[in-house]
Amino acid sequence: MIEIYLILIFMITAAIIAVVAKDLLSSIIAIGAVGIGLSLAFLVLKAPDLAIMQLVVEILSLIILIRATTRRDIPFSTSGRWVFNTVATLLFVSVFLTGAYIAIKFIPDFGSPLMRISRTYIAEGMTRTGAMNIVAAINLNYRALDTLGEATMMFAAIVGVLAVARKIGRKG
């Protein structure tokens, strides 16, 4: 359970940075760190479907927010803080990949252990629902609202990215 507390501390720190940061782009990146922390928390709590959905929505939200806040591409700086920026980026990527590697190591093998709910779904799913296969029985009967919510979030994120990224009709 120590992992959850570490992730919560990371998320709270990132949220505080998002509030006190002086420029908007730094705040957006800090908000993205909160979302990635939430995705890791879902993964640690053994909800990989929520973790994947949170990660996809977070990445799409970051794209929308960054695109909405920057009118033009940010020029690559060859002077000033480029060493700090490069080292910070490499450090962040290495910490992120290390965290992802550790999180992936703790994911149980596919289908193992068979939990109580999944045992019930497999044993009684087809007879209770009348479906012809077990995947359809689970997705459309037991998890219908969850699947509908995930599809709605994905659709909203895609529409948001398309609305921000479109070029036709944009002035300036």
Foldseek 3Di string as FASTA:
>chain_A
DVLLVVLVVLLVVLCVCLVPPDDNLSNLVSVLSNLLSVLLNCLVVPNNVVSVLSNVLSVLVSLLSVLVVDVDDDDDDPDDCNVVVVVVVVVVVVVVVVSVVVSVVPHDDPPPPQDPVNVCLVVCQCVVQVDPDSVCSCCVPVCVVVVVVSVVSVVVSVVSSCVSPDDPPDDD
